[in-house]
């Protein structure tokens, strides 16, 4: 995910995406927030 975001950022003239859509495939409702937080931390562009 981080690589895809970096590729978008560099190929679009250093523009950040307006939206990021994440599908909850194979993750229960109760675990979704934990997984989402972890994914967003991994994808953070510093």
PDB file of N, CA and C in Angstrom:
ATOM      1  N   UNK A   1       0.818  -1.184   0.000  1.00  0.00           N
ATOM      2  CA  UNK A   1       0.000   0.000   0.000  1.00  0.00           C
ATOM      3  C   UNK A   1       0.871   1.261   0.000  1.00  0.00           C
ATOM      4  N   UNK A   2       1.927   1.226   0.778  1.00  0.00           N
ATOM      5  CA  UNK A   2       2.797   2.399   0.846  1.00  0.00           C
ATOM      6  C   UNK A   2       3.430   2.678  -0.508  1.00  0.00           C
ATOM      7  N   UNK A   3       3.852   1.615  -1.197  1.00  0.00           N
ATOM      8  CA  UNK A   3       4.465   1.790  -2.509  1.00  0.00           C
ATOM      9  C   UNK A   3       3.472   2.395  -3.501  1.00  0.00           C
ATOM     10  N   UNK A   4       2.215   1.945  -3.454  1.00  0.00           N
ATOM     11  CA  UNK A   4       1.199   2.480  -4.360  1.00  0.00           C
ATOM     12  C   UNK A   4       0.951   3.961  -4.087  1.00  0.00           C
ATOM     13  N   UNK A   5       0.903   4.340  -2.815  1.00  0.00           N
ATOM     14  CA  UNK A   5       0.701   5.747  -2.471  1.00  0.00           C
ATOM     15  C   UNK A   5       1.877   6.611  -2.913  1.00  0.00           C
ATOM     16  N   UNK A   6       3.071   6.113  -2.715  1.00  0.00           N
ATOM     17  CA  UNK A   6       4.256   6.857  -3.155  1.00  0.00           C
ATOM     18  C   UNK A   6       4.288   7.003  -4.674  1.00  0.00           C
ATOM     19  N   UNK A   7       3.910   5.943  -5.381  1.00  0.00           N
ATOM     20  CA  UNK A   7       3.868   5.996  -6.841  1.00  0.00           C
ATOM     21  C   UNK A   7       2.855   7.032  -7.311  1.00  0.00           C
ATOM     22  N   UNK A   8       1.677   7.051  -6.698  1.00  0.00           N
ATOM     23  CA  UNK A   8       0.668   8.050  -7.048  1.00  0.00           C
ATOM     24  C   UNK A   8       1.192   9.453  -6.771  1.00  0.00           C
ATOM     25  N   UNK A   9       1.801   9.633  -5.621  1.00  0.00           N
ATOM     26  CA  UNK A   9       2.312  10.942  -5.213  1.00  0.00           C
ATOM     27  C   UNK A   9       3.342  11.479  -6.201  1.00  0.00           C
ATOM     28  N   UNK A  10       4.259  10.638  -6.597  1.00  0.00           N
ATOM     29  CA  UNK A  10       5.308  11.094  -7.508  1.00  0.00           C
ATOM     30  C   UNK A  10       4.807  11.256  -8.936  1.00  0.00           C
ATOM     31  N   UNK A  11       3.903  10.386  -9.370  1.00  0.00           N
ATOM     32  CA  UNK A  11       3.437  10.453 -10.759  1.00  0.00           C
ATOM     33  C   UNK A  11       2.374  11.525 -10.983  1.00  0.00           C
ATOM     34  N   UNK A  12       1.795  12.054  -9.910  1.00  0.00           N
ATOM     35  CA  UNK A  12       0.723  13.050 -10.066  1.00  0.00           C
ATOM     36  C   UNK A  12       1.194  14.461  -9.727  1.00  0.00           C
ATOM     37  N   UNK A  13       2.487  14.678  -9.767  1.00  0.00           N
ATOM     38  CA  UNK A  13       3.003  16.015  -9.467  1.00  0.00           C
ATOM     39  C   UNK A  13       2.940  16.348  -7.995  1.00  0.00           C
ATOM     40  N   UNK A  14       3.268  15.372  -7.153  1.00  0.00           N
ATOM     41  CA  UNK A  14       3.299  15.527  -5.693  1.00  0.00           C
ATOM     42  C   UNK A  14       1.934  15.904  -5.112  1.00  0.00           C
ATOM     43  N   UNK A  15       0.894  15.290  -5.667  1.00  0.00           N
ATOM     44  CA  UNK A  15      -0.467  15.477  -5.178  1.00  0.00           C
ATOM     45  C   UNK A  15      -0.859  14.292  -4.322  1.00  0.00           C
ATOM     46  N   UNK A  16      -1.506  14.528  -3.206  1.00  0.00           N
ATOM     47  CA  UNK A  16      -1.997  13.440  -2.361  1.00  0.00           C
ATOM     48  C   UNK A  16      -3.402  13.055  -2.817  1.00  0.00           C
ATOM     49  N   UNK A  17      -3.780  11.777  -2.671  1.00  0.00           N
ATOM     50  CA  UNK A  17      -5.113  11.362  -3.112  1.00  0.00           C
ATOM     51  C   UNK A  17      -6.206  12.018  -2.268  1.00  0.00           C
ATOM     52  N   UNK A  18      -7.336  12.295  -2.915  1.00  0.00           N
ATOM     53  CA  UNK A  18      -8.473  12.867  -2.208  1.00  0.00           C
ATOM     54  C   UNK A  18      -9.160  11.819  -1.341  1.00  0.00           C
ATOM     55  N   UNK A  19      -9.155  10.575  -1.802  1.00  0.00           N
ATOM     56  CA  UNK A  19      -9.797   9.485  -1.076  1.00  0.00           C
ATOM     57  C   UNK A  19      -8.940   8.240  -1.151  1.00  0.00           C
ATOM     58  N   UNK A  20      -9.049   7.418  -0.124  1.00  0.00           N
ATOM     59  CA  UNK A  20      -8.445   6.088  -0.133  1.00  0.00           C
ATOM     60  C   UNK A  20      -9.551   5.126   0.273  1.00  0.00           C
ATOM     61  N   UNK A  21      -9.842   4.165  -0.584  1.00  0.00           N
ATOM     62  CA  UNK A  21     -10.894   3.198  -0.309  1.00  0.00           C
ATOM     63  C   UNK A  21     -10.240   1.885   0.092  1.00  0.00           C
ATOM     64  N   UNK A  22     -10.612   1.367   1.261  1.00  0.00           N
ATOM     65  CA  UNK A  22     -10.056   0.117   1.771  1.00  0.00           C
ATOM     66  C   UNK A  22     -11.195  -0.872   1.933  1.00  0.00           C
ATOM     67  N   UNK A  23     -11.067  -2.029   1.299  1.00  0.00           N
ATOM     68  CA  UNK A  23     -12.084  -3.063   1.410  1.00  0.00           C
ATOM     69  C   UNK A  23     -11.785  -3.941   2.612  1.00  0.00           C
ATOM     70  N   UNK A  24     -12.808  -4.290   3.339  1.00  0.00           N
ATOM     71  CA  UNK A  24     -12.693  -5.071   4.558  1.00  0.00           C
ATOM     72  C   UNK A  24     -12.904  -6.550   4.235  1.00  0.00           C
ATOM     73  N   UNK A  25     -12.065  -7.109   3.405  1.00  0.00           N
ATOM     74  CA  UNK A  25     -12.208  -8.498   2.989  1.00  0.00           C
ATOM     75  C   UNK A  25     -11.490  -9.414   3.976  1.00  0.00           C
ATOM     76  N   UNK A  26     -12.216 -10.271   4.634  1.00  0.00           N
ATOM     77  CA  UNK A  26     -11.622 -11.235   5.554  1.00  0.00           C
ATOM     78  C   UNK A  26     -11.333 -10.682   6.935  1.00  0.00           C
ATOM     79  N   UNK A  27     -11.823  -9.489   7.238  1.00  0.00           N
ATOM     80  CA  UNK A  27     -11.610  -8.887   8.555  1.00  0.00           C
ATOM     81  C   UNK A  27     -12.983  -8.662   9.186  1.00  0.00           C
ATOM     82  N   UNK A  28     -13.151  -9.133  10.393  1.00  0.00           N
ATOM     83  CA  UNK A  28     -14.447  -8.968  11.058  1.00  0.00           C
ATOM     84  C   UNK A  28     -14.693  -7.511  11.402  1.00  0.00           C
ATOM     85  N   UNK A  29     -15.963  -7.172  11.614  1.00  0.00           N
ATOM     86  CA  UNK A  29     -16.319  -5.793  11.963  1.00  0.00           C
ATOM     87  C   UNK A  29     -15.576  -5.321  13.204  1.00  0.00           C
ATOM     88  N   UNK A  30     -15.463  -6.196  14.181  1.00  0.00           N
ATOM     89  CA  UNK A  30     -14.826  -5.800  15.442  1.00  0.00           C
ATOM     90  C   UNK A  30     -13.328  -5.556  15.291  1.00  0.00           C
ATOM     91  N   UNK A  31     -12.692  -6.171  14.305  1.00  0.00           N
ATOM     92  CA  UNK A  31     -11.251  -6.003  14.109  1.00  0.00           C
ATOM     93  C   UNK A  31     -10.913  -4.931  13.077  1.00  0.00           C
ATOM     94  N   UNK A  32     -11.925  -4.429  12.345  1.00  0.00           N
ATOM     95  CA  UNK A  32     -11.657  -3.522  11.237  1.00  0.00           C
ATOM     96  C   UNK A  32     -10.910  -2.270  11.676  1.00  0.00           C
ATOM     97  N   UNK A  33     -11.322  -1.638  12.770  1.00  0.00           N
ATOM     98  CA  UNK A  33     -10.647  -0.413  13.217  1.00  0.00           C
ATOM     99  C   UNK A  33      -9.184  -0.658  13.552  1.00  0.00           C
ATOM    100  N   UNK A  34      -8.895  -1.784  14.182  1.00  0.00           N
ATOM    101  CA  UNK A  34      -7.501  -2.108  14.511  1.00  0.00           C
ATOM    102  C   UNK A  34      -6.676  -2.272  13.239  1.00  0.00           C
ATOM    103  N   UNK A  35      -7.230  -2.979  12.259  1.00  0.00           N
ATOM    104  CA  UNK A  35      -6.524  -3.206  10.997  1.00  0.00           C
ATOM    105  C   UNK A  35      -6.358  -1.889  10.245  1.00  0.00           C
ATOM    106  N   UNK A  36      -7.394  -1.067  10.221  1.00  0.00           N
ATOM    107  CA  UNK A  36      -7.330   0.221   9.534  1.00  0.00           C
ATOM    108  C   UNK A  36      -6.247   1.115  10.129  1.00  0.00           C
ATOM    109  N   UNK A  37      -6.185   1.198  11.441  1.00  0.00           N
ATOM    110  CA  UNK A  37      -5.158   2.014  12.101  1.00  0.00           C
ATOM    111  C   UNK A  37      -3.766   1.516  11.742  1.00  0.00           C
ATOM    112  N   UNK A  38      -3.596   0.204  11.747  1.00  0.00           N
ATOM    113  CA  UNK A  38      -2.290  -0.364  11.406  1.00  0.00           C
ATOM    114  C   UNK A  38      -1.917  -0.065   9.951  1.00  0.00           C
ATOM    115  N   UNK A  39      -2.882  -0.207   9.031  1.00  0.00           N
ATOM    116  CA  UNK A  39      -2.612   0.086   7.625  1.00  0.00           C
ATOM    117  C   UNK A  39      -2.255   1.550   7.416  1.00  0.00           C
ATOM    118  N   UNK A  40      -2.965   2.430   8.077  1.00  0.00           N
ATOM    119  CA  UNK A  40      -2.681   3.854   7.921  1.00  0.00           C
ATOM    120  C   UNK A  40      -1.318   4.228   8.489  1.00  0.00           C
ATOM    121  N   UNK A  41      -0.920   3.593   9.572  1.00  0.00           N
ATOM    122  CA  UNK A  41       0.421   3.845  10.107  1.00  0.00           C
ATOM    123  C   UNK A  41       1.498   3.367   9.142  1.00  0.00           C
ATOM    124  N   UNK A  42       1.268   2.200   8.533  1.00  0.00           N
ATOM    125  CA  UNK A  42       2.238   1.656   7.577  1.00  0.00           C
ATOM    126  C   UNK A  42       2.324   2.510   6.322  1.00  0.00           C
ATOM    127  N   UNK A  43       1.216   3.113   5.939  1.00  0.00           N
ATOM    128  CA  UNK A  43       1.169   3.873   4.694  1.00  0.00           C
ATOM    129  C   UNK A  43       1.533   5.337   4.872  1.00  0.00           C
ATOM    130  N   UNK A  44       1.741   5.773   6.090  1.00  0.00           N
ATOM    131  CA  UNK A  44       2.017   7.198   6.345  1.00  0.00           C
ATOM    132  C   UNK A  44       3.238   7.638   5.555  1.00  0.00           C
ATOM    133  N   UNK A  45       3.061   8.730   4.833  1.00  0.00           N
ATOM    134  CA  UNK A  45       4.173   9.305   4.057  1.00  0.00           C
ATOM    135  C   UNK A  45       4.826  10.367   4.929  1.00  0.00           C
ATOM    136  N   UNK A  46       6.070  10.132   5.276  1.00  0.00           N
ATOM    137  CA  UNK A  46       6.783  11.067   6.155  1.00  0.00           C
ATOM    138  C   UNK A  46       7.683  11.962   5.359  1.00  0.00           C
TER     139      UNK A  46
END
